[in-house]
Structure formats: structure tokens, C-alpha cells
PDB file of N, CA and C in Angstrom:
ATOM      1  N   MET A   1     103.021 123.065 191.543  1.00  0.00           N
ATOM      2  CA  MET A   1     103.313 122.120 192.612  1.00  0.00           C
ATOM      3  C   MET A   1     102.255 122.181 193.671  1.00  0.00           C
ATOM      4  N   THR A   2     101.817 121.013 194.086  1.00  0.00           N
ATOM      5  CA  THR A   2     100.769 120.960 195.116  1.00  0.00           C
ATOM      6  C   THR A   2     101.331 121.407 196.480  1.00  0.00           C
ATOM      7  N   VAL A   3     100.529 122.183 197.196  1.00  0.00           N
ATOM      8  CA  VAL A   3     100.922 122.636 198.517  1.00  0.00           C
ATOM      9  C   VAL A   3     100.726 121.459 199.474  1.00  0.00           C
ATOM     10  N   GLN A   4     101.659 121.292 200.357  1.00  0.00           N
ATOM     11  CA  GLN A   4     101.565 120.234 201.405  1.00  0.00           C
ATOM     12  C   GLN A   4     100.963 120.865 202.658  1.00  0.00           C
ATOM     13  N   MET A   5      99.968 120.184 203.220  1.00  0.00           N
ATOM     14  CA  MET A   5      99.312 120.701 204.416  1.00  0.00           C
ATOM     15  C   MET A   5      98.641 119.511 205.159  1.00  0.00           C
ATOM     16  N   THR A   6      98.726 119.534 206.465  1.00  0.00           N
ATOM     17  CA  THR A   6      98.102 118.450 207.214  1.00  0.00           C
ATOM     18  C   THR A   6      96.589 118.576 207.139  1.00  0.00           C
ATOM     19  N   GLU A   7      95.915 117.473 207.342  1.00  0.00           N
ATOM     20  CA  GLU A   7      94.489 117.490 207.364  1.00  0.00           C
ATOM     21  C   GLU A   7      93.959 118.390 208.471  1.00  0.00           C
ATOM     22  N   ALA A   8      94.612 118.361 209.623  1.00  0.00           N
ATOM     23  CA  ALA A   8      94.158 119.212 210.747  1.00  0.00           C
ATOM     24  C   ALA A   8      94.309 120.678 210.417  1.00  0.00           C
ATOM     25  N   ARG A   9      95.416 121.084 209.781  1.00  0.00           N
ATOM     26  CA  ARG A   9      95.536 122.485 209.390  1.00  0.00           C
ATOM     27  C   ARG A   9      94.482 122.922 208.381  1.00  0.00           C
ATOM     28  N   PHE A  10      94.218 122.048 207.418  1.00  0.00           N
ATOM     29  CA  PHE A  10      93.218 122.339 206.411  1.00  0.00           C
ATOM     30  C   PHE A  10      91.838 122.489 207.042  1.00  0.00           C
ATOM     31  N   GLU A  11      91.456 121.580 207.948  1.00  0.00           N
ATOM     32  CA  GLU A  11      90.228 121.674 208.650  1.00  0.00           C
ATOM     33  C   GLU A  11      90.090 122.966 209.439  1.00  0.00           C
ATOM     34  N   GLU A  12      91.239 123.396 210.013  1.00  0.00           N
ATOM     35  CA  GLU A  12      91.291 124.677 210.714  1.00  0.00           C
ATOM     36  C   GLU A  12      90.988 125.820 209.766  1.00  0.00           C
ATOM     37  N   LEU A  13      91.493 125.762 208.572  1.00  0.00           N
ATOM     38  CA  LEU A  13      91.228 126.837 207.600  1.00  0.00           C
ATOM     39  C   LEU A  13      89.753 126.850 207.168  1.00  0.00           C
ATOM     40  N   VAL A  14      89.142 125.674 207.065  1.00  0.00           N
ATOM     41  CA  VAL A  14      87.705 125.626 206.745  1.00  0.00           C
ATOM     42  C   VAL A  14      86.883 126.268 207.917  1.00  0.00           C
ATOM     43  N   SER A  15      87.262 125.939 209.124  1.00  0.00           N
ATOM     44  CA  SER A  15      86.596 126.502 210.285  1.00  0.00           C
ATOM     45  C   SER A  15      86.736 128.051 210.304  1.00  0.00           C
ATOM     46  N   GLU A  16      87.950 128.523 210.047  1.00  0.00           N
ATOM     47  CA  GLU A  16      88.213 129.955 209.987  1.00  0.00           C
ATOM     48  C   GLU A  16      87.379 130.631 208.875  1.00  0.00           C
ATOM     49  N   ALA A  17      87.234 129.939 207.776  1.00  0.00           N
ATOM     50  CA  ALA A  17      86.440 130.458 206.649  1.00  0.00           C
ATOM     51  C   ALA A  17      84.953 130.568 207.058  1.00  0.00           C
ATOM     52  N   LEU A  18      84.488 129.596 207.775  1.00  0.00           N
ATOM     53  CA  LEU A  18      83.098 129.625 208.310  1.00  0.00           C
ATOM     54  C   LEU A  18      82.883 130.799 209.228  1.00  0.00           C
ATOM     55  N   ASP A  19      83.939 131.151 209.990  1.00  0.00           N
ATOM     56  CA  ASP A  19      83.854 132.287 210.933  1.00  0.00           C
ATOM     57  C   ASP A  19      83.769 133.617 210.184  1.00  0.00           C
ATOM     58  N   LEU A  20      84.074 133.654 208.883  1.00  0.00           N
ATOM     59  CA  LEU A  20      83.991 134.870 208.085  1.00  0.00           C
ATOM     60  C   LEU A  20      82.529 135.215 207.735  1.00  0.00           C
ATOM     61  N   ILE A  21      81.642 134.279 207.879  1.00  0.00           N
ATOM     62  CA  ILE A  21      80.222 134.489 207.546  1.00  0.00           C
ATOM     63  C   ILE A  21      79.647 135.441 208.617  1.00  0.00           C
ATOM     64  N   PRO A  22      79.018 136.528 208.158  1.00  0.00           N
ATOM     65  CA  PRO A  22      78.414 137.450 209.116  1.00  0.00           C
ATOM     66  C   PRO A  22      77.480 136.741 210.074  1.00  0.00           C
ATOM     67  N   ALA A  23      77.481 137.192 211.305  1.00  0.00           N
ATOM     68  CA  ALA A  23      76.667 136.528 212.381  1.00  0.00           C
ATOM     69  C   ALA A  23      75.198 136.425 212.006  1.00  0.00           C
ATOM     70  N   GLU A  24      74.603 137.401 211.412  1.00  0.00           N
ATOM     71  CA  GLU A  24      73.181 137.339 211.069  1.00  0.00           C
ATOM     72  C   GLU A  24      72.908 136.218 210.049  1.00  0.00           C
ATOM     73  N   LEU A  25      73.834 136.002 209.133  1.00  0.00           N
ATOM     74  CA  LEU A  25      73.687 134.943 208.156  1.00  0.00           C
ATOM     75  C   LEU A  25      74.012 133.566 208.788  1.00  0.00           C
ATOM     76  N   ALA A  26      74.995 133.559 209.638  1.00  0.00           N
ATOM     77  CA  ALA A  26      75.354 132.289 210.298  1.00  0.00           C
ATOM     78  C   ALA A  26      74.227 131.756 211.149  1.00  0.00           C
ATOM     79  N   ARG A  27      73.492 132.686 211.775  1.00  0.00           N
ATOM     80  CA  ARG A  27      72.356 132.260 212.618  1.00  0.00           C
ATOM     81  C   ARG A  27      71.243 131.679 211.761  1.00  0.00           C
ATOM     82  N   ALA A  28      71.197 131.998 210.491  1.00  0.00           N
ATOM     83  CA  ALA A  28      70.137 131.518 209.618  1.00  0.00           C
ATOM     84  C   ALA A  28      70.455 130.154 208.989  1.00  0.00           C
ATOM     85  N   ILE A  29      71.692 129.676 209.202  1.00  0.00           N
ATOM     86  CA  ILE A  29      72.097 128.373 208.701  1.00  0.00           C
ATOM     87  C   ILE A  29      71.564 127.305 209.654  1.00  0.00           C
ATOM     88  N   ASP A  30      70.781 126.387 209.111  1.00  0.00           N
ATOM     89  CA  ASP A  30      70.155 125.327 209.899  1.00  0.00           C
ATOM     90  C   ASP A  30      70.166 123.999 209.185  1.00  0.00           C
ATOM     91  N   ASN A  31      70.481 122.969 209.873  1.00  0.00           N
ATOM     92  CA  ASN A  31      70.449 121.583 209.328  1.00  0.00           C
ATOM     93  C   ASN A  31      71.424 121.445 208.187  1.00  0.00           C
ATOM     94  N   VAL A  32      72.673 121.918 208.376  1.00  0.00           N
ATOM     95  CA  VAL A  32      73.734 121.798 207.416  1.00  0.00           C
ATOM     96  C   VAL A  32      75.003 121.242 208.138  1.00  0.00           C
ATOM     97  N   VAL A  33      75.610 120.316 207.483  1.00  0.00           N
ATOM     98  CA  VAL A  33      76.890 119.722 207.966  1.00  0.00           C
ATOM     99  C   VAL A  33      77.989 120.093 206.977  1.00  0.00           C
ATOM    100  N   VAL A  34      79.109 120.582 207.499  1.00  0.00           N
ATOM    101  CA  VAL A  34      80.267 120.890 206.643  1.00  0.00           C
ATOM    102  C   VAL A  34      81.280 119.740 206.790  1.00  0.00           C
ATOM    103  N   LEU A  35      81.659 119.180 205.675  1.00  0.00           N
ATOM    104  CA  LEU A  35      82.602 118.053 205.636  1.00  0.00           C
ATOM    105  C   LEU A  35      83.828 118.412 204.863  1.00  0.00           C
ATOM    106  N   VAL A  36      84.919 117.750 205.200  1.00  0.00           N
ATOM    107  CA  VAL A  36      86.168 117.872 204.411  1.00  0.00           C
ATOM    108  C   VAL A  36      86.472 116.455 203.911  1.00  0.00           C
ATOM    109  N   GLU A  37      86.658 116.313 202.628  1.00  0.00           N
ATOM    110  CA  GLU A  37      87.050 115.036 201.995  1.00  0.00           C
ATOM    111  C   GLU A  37      88.207 115.349 201.056  1.00  0.00           C
ATOM    112  N   ASP A  38      88.910 114.273 200.679  1.00  0.00           N
ATOM    113  CA  ASP A  38      90.046 114.468 199.818  1.00  0.00           C
ATOM    114  C   ASP A  38      89.628 114.959 198.385  1.00  0.00           C
ATOM    115  N   ARG A  39      88.729 114.225 197.745  1.00  0.00           N
ATOM    116  CA  ARG A  39      88.262 114.519 196.400  1.00  0.00           C
ATOM    117  C   ARG A  39      86.896 114.037 196.149  1.00  0.00           C
ATOM    118  N   ASP A  40      86.200 114.664 195.239  1.00  0.00           N
ATOM    119  CA  ASP A  40      84.905 114.132 194.747  1.00  0.00           C
ATOM    120  C   ASP A  40      85.234 112.968 193.814  1.00  0.00           C
ATOM    121  N   PRO A  41      84.659 111.798 194.063  1.00  0.00           N
ATOM    122  CA  PRO A  41      84.971 110.617 193.242  1.00  0.00           C
ATOM    123  C   PRO A  41      84.547 110.779 191.765  1.00  0.00           C
ATOM    124  N   GLU A  42      83.525 111.564 191.522  1.00  0.00           N
ATOM    125  CA  GLU A  42      83.052 111.717 190.160  1.00  0.00           C
ATOM    126  C   GLU A  42      83.674 112.850 189.421  1.00  0.00           C
ATOM    127  N   GLU A  43      84.077 113.904 190.165  1.00  0.00           N
ATOM    128  CA  GLU A  43      84.740 115.082 189.579  1.00  0.00           C
ATOM    129  C   GLU A  43      85.952 115.413 190.429  1.00  0.00           C
ATOM    130  N   PRO A  44      87.089 114.753 190.222  1.00  0.00           N
ATOM    131  CA  PRO A  44      88.266 114.907 191.084  1.00  0.00           C
ATOM    132  C   PRO A  44      88.803 116.365 191.220  1.00  0.00           C
ATOM    133  N   GLY A  45      88.468 117.227 190.264  1.00  0.00           N
ATOM    134  CA  GLY A  45      88.926 118.577 190.307  1.00  0.00           C
ATOM    135  C   GLY A  45      88.014 119.541 191.005  1.00  0.00           C
ATOM    136  N   LEU A  46      86.851 119.036 191.442  1.00  0.00           N
ATOM    137  CA  LEU A  46      85.845 119.885 192.083  1.00  0.00           C
ATOM    138  C   LEU A  46      86.391 120.323 193.435  1.00  0.00           C
ATOM    139  N   LEU A  47      86.221 121.658 193.742  1.00  0.00           N
ATOM    140  CA  LEU A  47      86.783 122.206 194.958  1.00  0.00           C
ATOM    141  C   LEU A  47      85.813 122.137 196.148  1.00  0.00           C
ATOM    142  N   GLY A  48      84.497 122.192 195.841  1.00  0.00           N
ATOM    143  CA  GLY A  48      83.517 122.158 196.886  1.00  0.00           C
ATOM    144  C   GLY A  48      82.156 121.785 196.302  1.00  0.00           C
ATOM    145  N   LEU A  49      81.228 121.356 197.157  1.00  0.00           N
ATOM    146  CA  LEU A  49      79.912 120.943 196.693  1.00  0.00           C
ATOM    147  C   LEU A  49      78.873 121.155 197.787  1.00  0.00           C
ATOM    148  N   TYR A  50      77.784 121.814 197.417  1.00  0.00           N
ATOM    149  CA  TYR A  50      76.620 121.914 198.281  1.00  0.00           C
ATOM    150  C   TYR A  50      75.599 120.887 197.804  1.00  0.00           C
ATOM    151  N   HIS A  51      75.115 120.059 198.738  1.00  0.00           N
ATOM    152  CA  HIS A  51      74.096 119.058 198.389  1.00  0.00           C
ATOM    153  C   HIS A  51      72.965 119.179 199.362  1.00  0.00           C
ATOM    154  N   GLY A  52      71.800 119.587 198.843  1.00  0.00           N
ATOM    155  CA  GLY A  52      70.629 119.706 199.706  1.00  0.00           C
ATOM    156  C   GLY A  52      69.552 120.519 199.086  1.00  0.00           C
ATOM    157  N   ILE A  53      68.694 121.061 199.892  1.00  0.00           N
ATOM    158  CA  ILE A  53      67.630 121.901 199.478  1.00  0.00           C
ATOM    159  C   ILE A  53      67.877 123.326 199.944  1.00  0.00           C
ATOM    160  N   ALA A  54      68.094 124.236 199.013  1.00  0.00           N
ATOM    161  CA  ALA A  54      68.409 125.612 199.334  1.00  0.00           C
ATOM    162  C   ALA A  54      67.312 126.202 200.198  1.00  0.00           C
ATOM    163  N   LEU A  55      67.723 127.088 201.080  1.00  0.00           N
ATOM    164  CA  LEU A  55      66.769 127.756 201.991  1.00  0.00           C
ATOM    165  C   LEU A  55      65.608 128.362 201.264  1.00  0.00           C
ATOM    166  N   THR A  56      65.884 128.906 200.090  1.00  0.00           N
ATOM    167  CA  THR A  56      64.827 129.570 199.327  1.00  0.00           C
ATOM    168  C   THR A  56      63.806 128.591 198.707  1.00  0.00           C
ATOM    169  N   GLU A  57      64.163 127.278 198.715  1.00  0.00           N
ATOM    170  CA  GLU A  57      63.270 126.289 198.141  1.00  0.00           C
ATOM    171  C   GLU A  57      62.594 125.391 199.206  1.00  0.00           C
ATOM    172  N   ARG A  58      62.913 125.637 200.426  1.00  0.00           N
ATOM    173  CA  ARG A  58      62.278 124.831 201.458  1.00  0.00           C
ATOM    174  C   ARG A  58      60.822 125.237 201.699  1.00  0.00           C
ATOM    175  N   ASP A  59      60.023 124.165 201.960  1.00  0.00           N
ATOM    176  CA  ASP A  59      58.624 124.442 202.218  1.00  0.00           C
ATOM    177  C   ASP A  59      58.179 123.616 203.450  1.00  0.00           C
ATOM    178  N   SER A  60      56.910 123.474 203.675  1.00  0.00           N
ATOM    179  CA  SER A  60      56.397 122.759 204.869  1.00  0.00           C
ATOM    180  C   SER A  60      56.773 121.297 204.851  1.00  0.00           C
ATOM    181  N   HIS A  61      57.149 120.748 203.678  1.00  0.00           N
ATOM    182  CA  HIS A  61      57.525 119.311 203.613  1.00  0.00           C
ATOM    183  C   HIS A  61      58.996 119.085 203.982  1.00  0.00           C
ATOM    184  N   TYR A  62      59.744 120.175 204.233  1.00  0.00           N
ATOM    185  CA  TYR A  62      61.185 120.034 204.511  1.00  0.00           C
ATOM    186  C   TYR A  62      61.428 119.380 205.914  1.00  0.00           C
ATOM    187  N   GLY A  63      60.564 119.582 206.859  1.00  0.00           N
ATOM    188  CA  GLY A  63      60.754 119.126 208.203  1.00  0.00           C
ATOM    189  C   GLY A  63      61.152 117.643 208.289  1.00  0.00           C
ATOM    190  N   GLY A  64      62.081 117.299 209.130  1.00  0.00           N
ATOM    191  CA  GLY A  64      62.523 115.971 209.282  1.00  0.00           C
ATOM    192  C   GLY A  64      63.540 115.510 208.215  1.00  0.00           C
ATOM    193  N   SER A  65      63.955 116.388 207.354  1.00  0.00           N
ATOM    194  CA  SER A  65      64.909 116.024 206.334  1.00  0.00           C
ATOM    195  C   SER A  65      66.305 115.824 206.876  1.00  0.00           C
ATOM    196  N   LEU A  66      67.073 114.973 206.254  1.00  0.00           N
ATOM    197  CA  LEU A  66      68.458 114.784 206.620  1.00  0.00           C
ATOM    198  C   LEU A  66      69.192 116.095 206.431  1.00  0.00           C
ATOM    199  N   PRO A  67      70.265 116.349 207.158  1.00  0.00           N
ATOM    200  CA  PRO A  67      70.993 117.622 206.939  1.00  0.00           C
ATOM    201  C   PRO A  67      71.560 117.746 205.506  1.00  0.00           C
ATOM    202  N   ASP A  68      71.534 118.992 205.057  1.00  0.00           N
ATOM    203  CA  ASP A  68      72.248 119.322 203.837  1.00  0.00           C
ATOM    204  C   ASP A  68      73.735 119.176 204.095  1.00  0.00           C
ATOM    205  N   THR A  69      74.529 119.018 203.046  1.00  0.00           N
ATOM    206  CA  THR A  69      75.981 118.924 203.276  1.00  0.00           C
ATOM    207  C   THR A  69      76.743 119.919 202.363  1.00  0.00           C
ATOM    208  N   ILE A  70      77.717 120.439 202.938  1.00  0.00           N
ATOM    209  CA  ILE A  70      78.725 121.222 202.195  1.00  0.00           C
ATOM    210  C   ILE A  70      80.023 120.452 202.341  1.00  0.00           C
ATOM    211  N   THR A  71      80.558 120.008 201.213  1.00  0.00           N
ATOM    212  CA  THR A  71      81.807 119.271 201.249  1.00  0.00           C
ATOM    213  C   THR A  71      82.890 120.122 200.602  1.00  0.00           C
ATOM    214  N   ILE A  72      84.014 120.219 201.323  1.00  0.00           N
ATOM    215  CA  ILE A  72      85.193 120.934 200.780  1.00  0.00           C
ATOM    216  C   ILE A  72      86.233 119.899 200.482  1.00  0.00           C
ATOM    217  N   TYR A  73      86.809 119.930 199.286  1.00  0.00           N
ATOM    218  CA  TYR A  73      87.709 118.908 198.824  1.00  0.00           C
ATOM    219  C   TYR A  73      89.164 119.361 198.964  1.00  0.00           C
ATOM    220  N   ARG A  74      89.804 118.811 199.946  1.00  0.00           N
ATOM    221  CA  ARG A  74      91.148 119.175 200.375  1.00  0.00           C
ATOM    222  C   ARG A  74      92.170 119.018 199.287  1.00  0.00           C
ATOM    223  N   GLU A  75      92.312 117.830 198.733  1.00  0.00           N
ATOM    224  CA  GLU A  75      93.411 117.591 197.740  1.00  0.00           C
ATOM    225  C   GLU A  75      93.207 118.443 196.514  1.00  0.00           C
ATOM    226  N   ALA A  76      91.952 118.578 196.080  1.00  0.00           N
ATOM    227  CA  ALA A  76      91.670 119.384 194.882  1.00  0.00           C
ATOM    228  C   ALA A  76      92.032 120.844 195.114  1.00  0.00           C
ATOM    229  N   LEU A  77      91.745 121.329 196.297  1.00  0.00           N
ATOM    230  CA  LEU A  77      92.118 122.723 196.611  1.00  0.00           C
ATOM    231  C   LEU A  77      93.633 122.890 196.695  1.00  0.00           C
ATOM    232  N   LEU A  78      94.294 121.922 197.346  1.00  0.00           N
ATOM    233  CA  LEU A  78      95.748 122.026 197.421  1.00  0.00           C
ATOM    234  C   LEU A  78      96.437 121.957 196.067  1.00  0.00           C
ATOM    235  N   ASP A  79      95.810 121.202 195.154  1.00  0.00           N
ATOM    236  CA  ASP A  79      96.378 121.092 193.792  1.00  0.00           C
ATOM    237  C   ASP A  79      96.388 122.421 193.040  1.00  0.00           C
ATOM    238  N   VAL A  80      95.422 123.262 193.328  1.00  0.00           N
ATOM    239  CA  VAL A  80      95.345 124.484 192.535  1.00  0.00           C
ATOM    240  C   VAL A  80      96.048 125.697 193.187  1.00  0.00           C
ATOM    241  N   CYS A  81      96.747 125.422 194.306  1.00  0.00           N
ATOM    242  CA  CYS A  81      97.380 126.511 195.010  1.00  0.00           C
ATOM    243  C   CYS A  81      98.892 126.358 194.996  1.00  0.00           C
ATOM    244  N   ASP A  82      99.569 127.482 195.085  1.00  0.00           N
ATOM    245  CA  ASP A  82     101.059 127.518 195.055  1.00  0.00           C
ATOM    246  C   ASP A  82     101.633 127.878 196.452  1.00  0.00           C
ATOM    247  N   SER A  83     100.832 128.296 197.344  1.00  0.00           N
ATOM    248  CA  SER A  83     101.307 128.703 198.673  1.00  0.00           C
ATOM    249  C   SER A  83     100.204 128.538 199.715  1.00  0.00           C
ATOM    250  N   GLU A  84     100.605 128.523 200.976  1.00  0.00           N
ATOM    251  CA  GLU A  84      99.619 128.425 202.042  1.00  0.00           C
ATOM    252  C   GLU A  84      98.717 129.642 202.026  1.00  0.00           C
ATOM    253  N   GLU A  85      99.242 130.824 201.705  1.00  0.00           N
ATOM    254  CA  GLU A  85      98.425 132.011 201.635  1.00  0.00           C
ATOM    255  C   GLU A  85      97.304 131.888 200.567  1.00  0.00           C
ATOM    256  N   GLN A  86      97.657 131.234 199.436  1.00  0.00           N
ATOM    257  CA  GLN A  86      96.671 131.008 198.397  1.00  0.00           C
ATOM    258  C   GLN A  86      95.651 129.958 198.840  1.00  0.00           C
ATOM    259  N   VAL A  87      96.049 128.948 199.612  1.00  0.00           N
ATOM    260  CA  VAL A  87      95.163 127.948 200.151  1.00  0.00           C
ATOM    261  C   VAL A  87      94.147 128.646 201.045  1.00  0.00           C
ATOM    262  N   ILE A  88      94.601 129.541 201.926  1.00  0.00           N
ATOM    263  CA  ILE A  88      93.717 130.259 202.842  1.00  0.00           C
ATOM    264  C   ILE A  88      92.658 131.010 202.027  1.00  0.00           C
ATOM    265  N   GLU A  89      93.081 131.701 200.976  1.00  0.00           N
ATOM    266  CA  GLU A  89      92.137 132.459 200.160  1.00  0.00           C
ATOM    267  C   GLU A  89      91.170 131.585 199.423  1.00  0.00           C
ATOM    268  N   GLU A  90      91.679 130.510 198.823  1.00  0.00           N
ATOM    269  CA  GLU A  90      90.804 129.599 198.009  1.00  0.00           C
ATOM    270  C   GLU A  90      89.826 128.858 198.918  1.00  0.00           C
ATOM    271  N   VAL A  91      90.239 128.442 200.129  1.00  0.00           N
ATOM    272  CA  VAL A  91      89.338 127.755 201.061  1.00  0.00           C
ATOM    273  C   VAL A  91      88.216 128.759 201.421  1.00  0.00           C
ATOM    274  N   ALA A  92      88.542 130.005 201.742  1.00  0.00           N
ATOM    275  CA  ALA A  92      87.526 130.972 202.073  1.00  0.00           C
ATOM    276  C   ALA A  92      86.541 131.219 200.918  1.00  0.00           C
ATOM    277  N   ILE A  93      87.052 131.326 199.740  1.00  0.00           N
ATOM    278  CA  ILE A  93      86.216 131.505 198.563  1.00  0.00           C
ATOM    279  C   ILE A  93      85.281 130.309 198.372  1.00  0.00           C
ATOM    280  N   THR A  94      85.824 129.147 198.486  1.00  0.00           N
ATOM    281  CA  THR A  94      85.062 127.897 198.309  1.00  0.00           C
ATOM    282  C   THR A  94      84.004 127.754 199.365  1.00  0.00           C
ATOM    283  N   VAL A  95      84.351 127.963 200.589  1.00  0.00           N
ATOM    284  CA  VAL A  95      83.369 127.827 201.693  1.00  0.00           C
ATOM    285  C   VAL A  95      82.250 128.839 201.477  1.00  0.00           C
ATOM    286  N   ILE A  96      82.570 130.105 201.266  1.00  0.00           N
ATOM    287  CA  ILE A  96      81.511 131.123 201.090  1.00  0.00           C
ATOM    288  C   ILE A  96      80.683 130.811 199.819  1.00  0.00           C
ATOM    289  N   HIS A  97      81.298 130.316 198.760  1.00  0.00           N
ATOM    290  CA  HIS A  97      80.584 129.910 197.549  1.00  0.00           C
ATOM    291  C   HIS A  97      79.510 128.867 197.847  1.00  0.00           C
ATOM    292  N   GLU A  98      79.940 127.842 198.587  1.00  0.00           N
ATOM    293  CA  GLU A  98      79.009 126.717 198.874  1.00  0.00           C
ATOM    294  C   GLU A  98      77.928 127.131 199.841  1.00  0.00           C
ATOM    295  N   VAL A  99      78.250 127.955 200.814  1.00  0.00           N
ATOM    296  CA  VAL A  99      77.266 128.463 201.772  1.00  0.00           C
ATOM    297  C   VAL A  99      76.248 129.298 201.010  1.00  0.00           C
ATOM    298  N   ALA A 100      76.705 130.092 199.993  1.00  0.00           N
ATOM    299  CA  ALA A 100      75.813 130.906 199.227  1.00  0.00           C
ATOM    300  C   ALA A 100      74.804 130.041 198.521  1.00  0.00           C
ATOM    301  N   HIS A 101      75.196 128.854 198.055  1.00  0.00           N
ATOM    302  CA  HIS A 101      74.237 127.941 197.418  1.00  0.00           C
ATOM    303  C   HIS A 101      73.120 127.534 198.413  1.00  0.00           C
ATOM    304  N   TYR A 102      73.505 127.361 199.687  1.00  0.00           N
ATOM    305  CA  TYR A 102      72.536 127.060 200.715  1.00  0.00           C
ATOM    306  C   TYR A 102      71.444 128.127 200.767  1.00  0.00           C
ATOM    307  N   PHE A 103      71.876 129.384 200.613  1.00  0.00           N
ATOM    308  CA  PHE A 103      70.968 130.532 200.643  1.00  0.00           C
ATOM    309  C   PHE A 103      70.261 130.749 199.293  1.00  0.00           C
ATOM    310  N   GLY A 104      70.494 129.866 198.293  1.00  0.00           N
ATOM    311  CA  GLY A 104      69.822 129.938 197.057  1.00  0.00           C
ATOM    312  C   GLY A 104      70.469 130.786 196.001  1.00  0.00           C
ATOM    313  N   ILE A 105      71.708 131.192 196.214  1.00  0.00           N
ATOM    314  CA  ILE A 105      72.384 132.019 195.212  1.00  0.00           C
ATOM    315  C   ILE A 105      73.018 131.088 194.142  1.00  0.00           C
ATOM    316  N   GLU A 106      72.692 131.396 192.899  1.00  0.00           N
ATOM    317  CA  GLU A 106      73.115 130.579 191.806  1.00  0.00           C
ATOM    318  C   GLU A 106      74.554 130.914 191.306  1.00  0.00           C
ATOM    319  N   GLU A 107      75.085 129.954 190.530  1.00  0.00           N
ATOM    320  CA  GLU A 107      76.467 130.137 190.027  1.00  0.00           C
ATOM    321  C   GLU A 107      76.713 131.403 189.301  1.00  0.00           C
ATOM    322  N   GLU A 108      75.829 131.823 188.407  1.00  0.00           N
ATOM    323  CA  GLU A 108      76.041 133.042 187.631  1.00  0.00           C
ATOM    324  C   GLU A 108      76.134 134.253 188.540  1.00  0.00           C
ATOM    325  N   ARG A 109      75.275 134.333 189.513  1.00  0.00           N
ATOM    326  CA  ARG A 109      75.303 135.494 190.450  1.00  0.00           C
ATOM    327  C   ARG A 109      76.562 135.509 191.304  1.00  0.00           C
ATOM    328  N   LEU A 110      77.004 134.301 191.703  1.00  0.00           N
ATOM    329  CA  LEU A 110      78.267 134.216 192.537  1.00  0.00           C
ATOM    330  C   LEU A 110      79.447 134.684 191.685  1.00  0.00           C
ATOM    331  N   HIS A 111      79.506 134.367 190.397  1.00  0.00           N
ATOM    332  CA  HIS A 111      80.556 134.845 189.570  1.00  0.00           C
ATOM    333  C   HIS A 111      80.528 136.367 189.414  1.00  0.00           C
ATOM    334  N   GLN A 112      79.277 136.910 189.285  1.00  0.00           N
ATOM    335  CA  GLN A 112      79.115 138.358 189.179  1.00  0.00           C
ATOM    336  C   GLN A 112      79.643 139.013 190.446  1.00  0.00           C
ATOM    337  N   LEU A 113      79.433 138.388 191.580  1.00  0.00           N
ATOM    338  CA  LEU A 113      79.827 138.948 192.883  1.00  0.00           C
ATOM    339  C   LEU A 113      81.314 138.708 193.230  1.00  0.00           C
ATOM    340  N   GLY A 114      82.000 137.973 192.383  1.00  0.00           N
ATOM    341  CA  GLY A 114      83.443 137.663 192.564  1.00  0.00           C
ATOM    342  C   GLY A 114      83.701 136.464 193.463  1.00  0.00           C
ATOM    343  N   TRP A 115      82.691 135.644 193.706  1.00  0.00           N
ATOM    344  CA  TRP A 115      82.868 134.426 194.516  1.00  0.00           C
ATOM    345  C   TRP A 115      82.751 133.192 193.687  1.00  0.00           C
ATOM    346  N   GLY A 116      83.068 133.304 192.421  1.00  0.00           N
ATOM    347  CA  GLY A 116      82.995 132.158 191.514  1.00  0.00           C
ATOM    348  C   GLY A 116      84.192 131.324 191.550  1.00  0.00           C
TER     349      GLY A 116
END
């Protein structure tokens, strides 16, 4: 059964998950916008998505680029959870997972680290 949660509460959980990022890493995040949407139109079950140029791939041509985006998909996350506690955990995992992509960490490594 899908967990019921207001958009405001869900956005609060995303904010709290961002606060889990260590300060030294948070300071390194630049030109990134975090969005909350209901679902990815092309992959409705997708929980989150990083879209941009990873920090490890940026070069002198990056200047003036539009912000990268991290999108967290509210309805998809609520669908895979059975309780608010599980939503809190899954939101944190998803946010950290997508932020890791910004830093250039690939899927395989994230799974090895337990953030898959």
C-alpha cells in the first residue's frame, strides 16, 4: 500500500536528507538545483535522477552552464514504502545516491557502498 504524505512533508524529508551530507562535501556542491516531482514521465518507477555534468567531468568549458538538476520523485518513492519511517530512509538513500552522481560516483560503486 502506498504511504500517504503531503507534498510539504515530503519536501521537508528531502531537505533533511540534504542536511545529512557532510559539510565539506556540501560546500563543494555548486550549480545544482534539487527538485521534487511526482514521477518521471519516461520511467514512472524511477526514484531519483541526476542530470548534468559530474564534477569529475567538468572542464574550462563548463562556465556559464545551466544548473545541474537532481530530481526526487515523490509518488514513486511513496509507492515503494510501507511506512513513514521507510520513506525517511528511502528519501535519504535516494538523495545521497543522486548527489553521489554529481561527484562522479557510478552506479556500480554506489551499490558496492550500500547506496544503490
